[in-house]
C-alpha atoms as a PDB file:
ATOM      1  CA  MET A   1       0.000   0.000   0.000  1.00  0.00           C
ATOM      2  CA  LEU A   2       1.181   3.442  -0.848  1.00  0.00           C
ATOM      3  CA  ASN A   3       1.819   5.587   2.202  1.00  0.00           C
ATOM      4  CA  SER A   4       3.924   8.550   3.260  1.00  0.00           C
ATOM      5  CA  GLU A   5       6.891   6.335   4.195  1.00  0.00           C
ATOM      6  CA  ASN A   6       6.892   4.691   0.748  1.00  0.00           C
ATOM      7  CA  LEU A   7       6.640   8.086  -0.917  1.00  0.00           C
ATOM      8  CA  GLU A   8       9.712   9.369   0.902  1.00  0.00           C
ATOM      9  CA  GLU A   9      11.645   6.297  -0.187  1.00  0.00           C
ATOM     10  CA  MET A  10      10.443   6.774  -3.760  1.00  0.00           C
ATOM     11  CA  LYS A  11      11.540  10.427  -3.702  1.00  0.00           C
ATOM     12  CA  LEU A  12      15.062   9.365  -2.812  1.00  0.00           C
ATOM     13  CA  ILE A  13      15.145   6.835  -5.644  1.00  0.00           C
ATOM     14  CA  ALA A  14      13.718   9.309  -8.195  1.00  0.00           C
ATOM     15  CA  LYS A  15      15.965  12.211  -7.209  1.00  0.00           C
ATOM     16  CA  GLY A  16      16.945  14.137 -10.347  1.00  0.00           C
ATOM     17  CA  ASP A  17      14.381  12.484 -12.645  1.00  0.00           C
ATOM     18  CA  GLU A  18      11.758  15.192 -13.231  1.00  0.00           C
ATOM     19  CA  ASN A  19       9.133  12.811 -14.621  1.00  0.00           C
ATOM     20  CA  MET A  20       9.487  10.420 -11.702  1.00  0.00           C
ATOM     21  CA  GLU A  21       9.444  13.292  -9.198  1.00  0.00           C
ATOM     22  CA  ALA A  22       6.256  14.657 -10.823  1.00  0.00           C
ATOM     23  CA  ALA A  23       4.625  11.212 -10.716  1.00  0.00           C
ATOM     24  CA  ILE A  24       5.589  10.777  -7.076  1.00  0.00           C
ATOM     25  CA  GLU A  25       4.190  14.217  -6.210  1.00  0.00           C
ATOM     26  CA  TYR A  26       0.964  13.301  -7.975  1.00  0.00           C
ATOM     27  CA  ALA A  27       0.840  10.029  -6.004  1.00  0.00           C
ATOM     28  CA  ARG A  28       1.443  11.956  -2.769  1.00  0.00           C
ATOM     29  CA  GLU A  29      -1.494  14.254  -3.567  1.00  0.00           C
ATOM     30  CA  LEU A  30      -3.699  11.233  -4.277  1.00  0.00           C
ATOM     31  CA  VAL A  31      -2.744   9.608  -0.975  1.00  0.00           C
ATOM     32  CA  GLU A  32      -3.375  12.867   0.895  1.00  0.00           C
ATOM     33  CA  GLU A  33      -6.759  13.377  -0.802  1.00  0.00           C
ATOM     34  CA  SER A  34      -7.736   9.747  -0.242  1.00  0.00           C
ATOM     35  CA  THR A  35      -6.850   9.983   3.448  1.00  0.00           C
ATOM     36  CA  LYS A  36      -8.762  13.249   3.793  1.00  0.00           C
ATOM     37  CA  ASN A  37     -11.813  11.770   2.034  1.00  0.00           C
ATOM     38  CA  GLY A  38     -11.608   8.645   4.165  1.00  0.00           C
ATOM     39  CA  VAL A  39     -11.610  10.665   7.372  1.00  0.00           C
ATOM     40  CA  GLU A  40     -14.475  12.840   6.145  1.00  0.00           C
ATOM     41  CA  ARG A  41     -16.465   9.766   5.119  1.00  0.00           C
ATOM     42  CA  TYR A  42     -15.796   8.154   8.508  1.00  0.00           C
ATOM     43  CA  LEU A  43     -16.942  11.272  10.368  1.00  0.00           C
ATOM     44  CA  PHE A  44     -20.029  11.576   8.168  1.00  0.00           C
ATOM     45  CA  ASN A  45     -20.948   7.935   8.794  1.00  0.00           C
ATOM     46  CA  LEU A  46     -20.322   8.320  12.522  1.00  0.00           C
ATOM     47  CA  LYS A  47     -22.542  11.409  12.635  1.00  0.00           C
ATOM     48  CA  ARG A  48     -25.262   9.641  10.623  1.00  0.00           C
ATOM     49  CA  GLU A  49     -25.120   6.590  12.890  1.00  0.00           C
ATOM     50  CA  SER A  50     -25.430   8.799  15.981  1.00  0.00           C
ATOM     51  CA  TYR A  51     -28.360  10.642  14.415  1.00  0.00           C
ATOM     52  CA  ASP A  52     -30.087   7.353  13.514  1.00  0.00           C
ATOM     53  CA  LYS A  53     -29.621   5.996  17.033  1.00  0.00           C
ATOM     54  CA  GLY A  54     -30.977   9.211  18.527  1.00  0.00           C
ATOM     55  CA  GLU A  55     -33.924   9.185  16.170  1.00  0.00           C
ATOM     56  CA  GLU A  56     -34.685   5.561  17.029  1.00  0.00           C
ATOM     57  CA  LYS A  57     -34.387   6.299  20.748  1.00  0.00           C
ATOM     58  CA  GLY A  58     -36.747   9.254  20.375  1.00  0.00           C
ATOM     59  CA  MET A  59     -39.282   7.173  18.491  1.00  0.00           C
ATOM     60  CA  ILE A  60     -39.204   4.485  21.169  1.00  0.00           C
ATOM     61  CA  GLN A  61     -39.654   7.093  23.911  1.00  0.00           C
ATOM     62  CA  GLY A  62     -42.469   8.728  21.942  1.00  0.00           C
ATOM     63  CA  GLU A  63     -44.247   5.401  21.607  1.00  0.00           C
ATOM     64  CA  LYS A  64     -43.802   4.765  25.328  1.00  0.00           C
ATOM     65  CA  ASN A  65     -45.233   8.217  26.153  1.00  0.00           C
ATOM     66  CA  ARG A  66     -48.196   7.587  23.864  1.00  0.00           C
ATOM     67  CA  ASN A  67     -48.868   4.242  25.563  1.00  0.00           C
ATOM     68  CA  ILE A  68     -48.723   5.956  28.954  1.00  0.00           C
ATOM     69  CA  GLU A  69     -51.331   8.491  27.828  1.00  0.00           C
ATOM     70  CA  ILE A  70     -53.528   5.683  26.488  1.00  0.00           C
ATOM     71  CA  ALA A  71     -53.146   3.800  29.773  1.00  0.00           C
ATOM     72  CA  LYS A  72     -54.135   6.908  31.758  1.00  0.00           C
ATOM     73  CA  SER A  73     -57.238   7.282  29.626  1.00  0.00           C
ATOM     74  CA  MET A  74     -58.103   3.621  30.083  1.00  0.00           C
ATOM     75  CA  LEU A  75     -57.642   3.923  33.864  1.00  0.00           C
ATOM     76  CA  ARG A  76     -60.087   6.829  33.907  1.00  0.00           C
ATOM     77  CA  LYS A  77     -62.595   4.555  32.131  1.00  0.00           C
ATOM     78  CA  GLU A  78     -61.913   1.909  34.799  1.00  0.00           C
ATOM     79  CA  ILE A  79     -60.658  -0.683  32.335  1.00  0.00           C
ATOM     80  CA  PRO A  80     -58.947  -3.586  34.159  1.00  0.00           C
ATOM     81  CA  ILE A  81     -55.182  -3.178  34.588  1.00  0.00           C
ATOM     82  CA  ASN A  82     -54.462  -6.560  32.981  1.00  0.00           C
ATOM     83  CA  ASP A  83     -56.302  -5.440  29.838  1.00  0.00           C
ATOM     84  CA  ILE A  84     -54.452  -2.114  29.830  1.00  0.00           C
ATOM     85  CA  SER A  85     -51.145  -3.936  30.125  1.00  0.00           C
ATOM     86  CA  GLU A  86     -52.023  -6.289  27.274  1.00  0.00           C
ATOM     87  CA  ILE A  87     -53.129  -3.453  24.977  1.00  0.00           C
ATOM     88  CA  THR A  88     -50.368  -0.934  25.726  1.00  0.00           C
ATOM     89  CA  GLY A  89     -47.447  -3.257  26.443  1.00  0.00           C
ATOM     90  CA  LEU A  90     -46.830  -1.454  29.746  1.00  0.00           C
ATOM     91  CA  THR A  91     -46.139  -3.569  32.801  1.00  0.00           C
ATOM     92  CA  ILE A  92     -48.673  -3.729  35.606  1.00  0.00           C
ATOM     93  CA  LYS A  93     -46.124  -1.990  37.828  1.00  0.00           C
ATOM     94  CA  GLU A  94     -45.827   0.886  35.321  1.00  0.00           C
ATOM     95  CA  ILE A  95     -49.606   1.193  35.132  1.00  0.00           C
ATOM     96  CA  ASP A  96     -49.933   1.166  38.952  1.00  0.00           C
ATOM     97  CA  ARG A  97     -47.569   4.153  39.089  1.00  0.00           C
ATOM     98  CA  LEU A  98     -49.962   6.099  36.837  1.00  0.00           C
ATOM     99  CA  LYS A  99     -52.821   5.955  39.342  1.00  0.00           C
END
């Protein structure tokens, strides 16, 4: 793999040959650009992954909050706790705390 260490070695070998020096400089620029793009791509993907996880977490919390509101409404209508638990997915303990 071409890296900065290899490029330095190549520069020493090509010393005095303008075409080789130009080719090595071009290769150095490619390596630098590739590394920069790789880092940017990594950061972009990391940011996207964090956003997706946050979005998923928010959706789960939103669903939980909605189920809590439904459970509260069902409690006001005196629907049995076991039925509320089955419908909302909340535990009986969670529903008891809503009373």
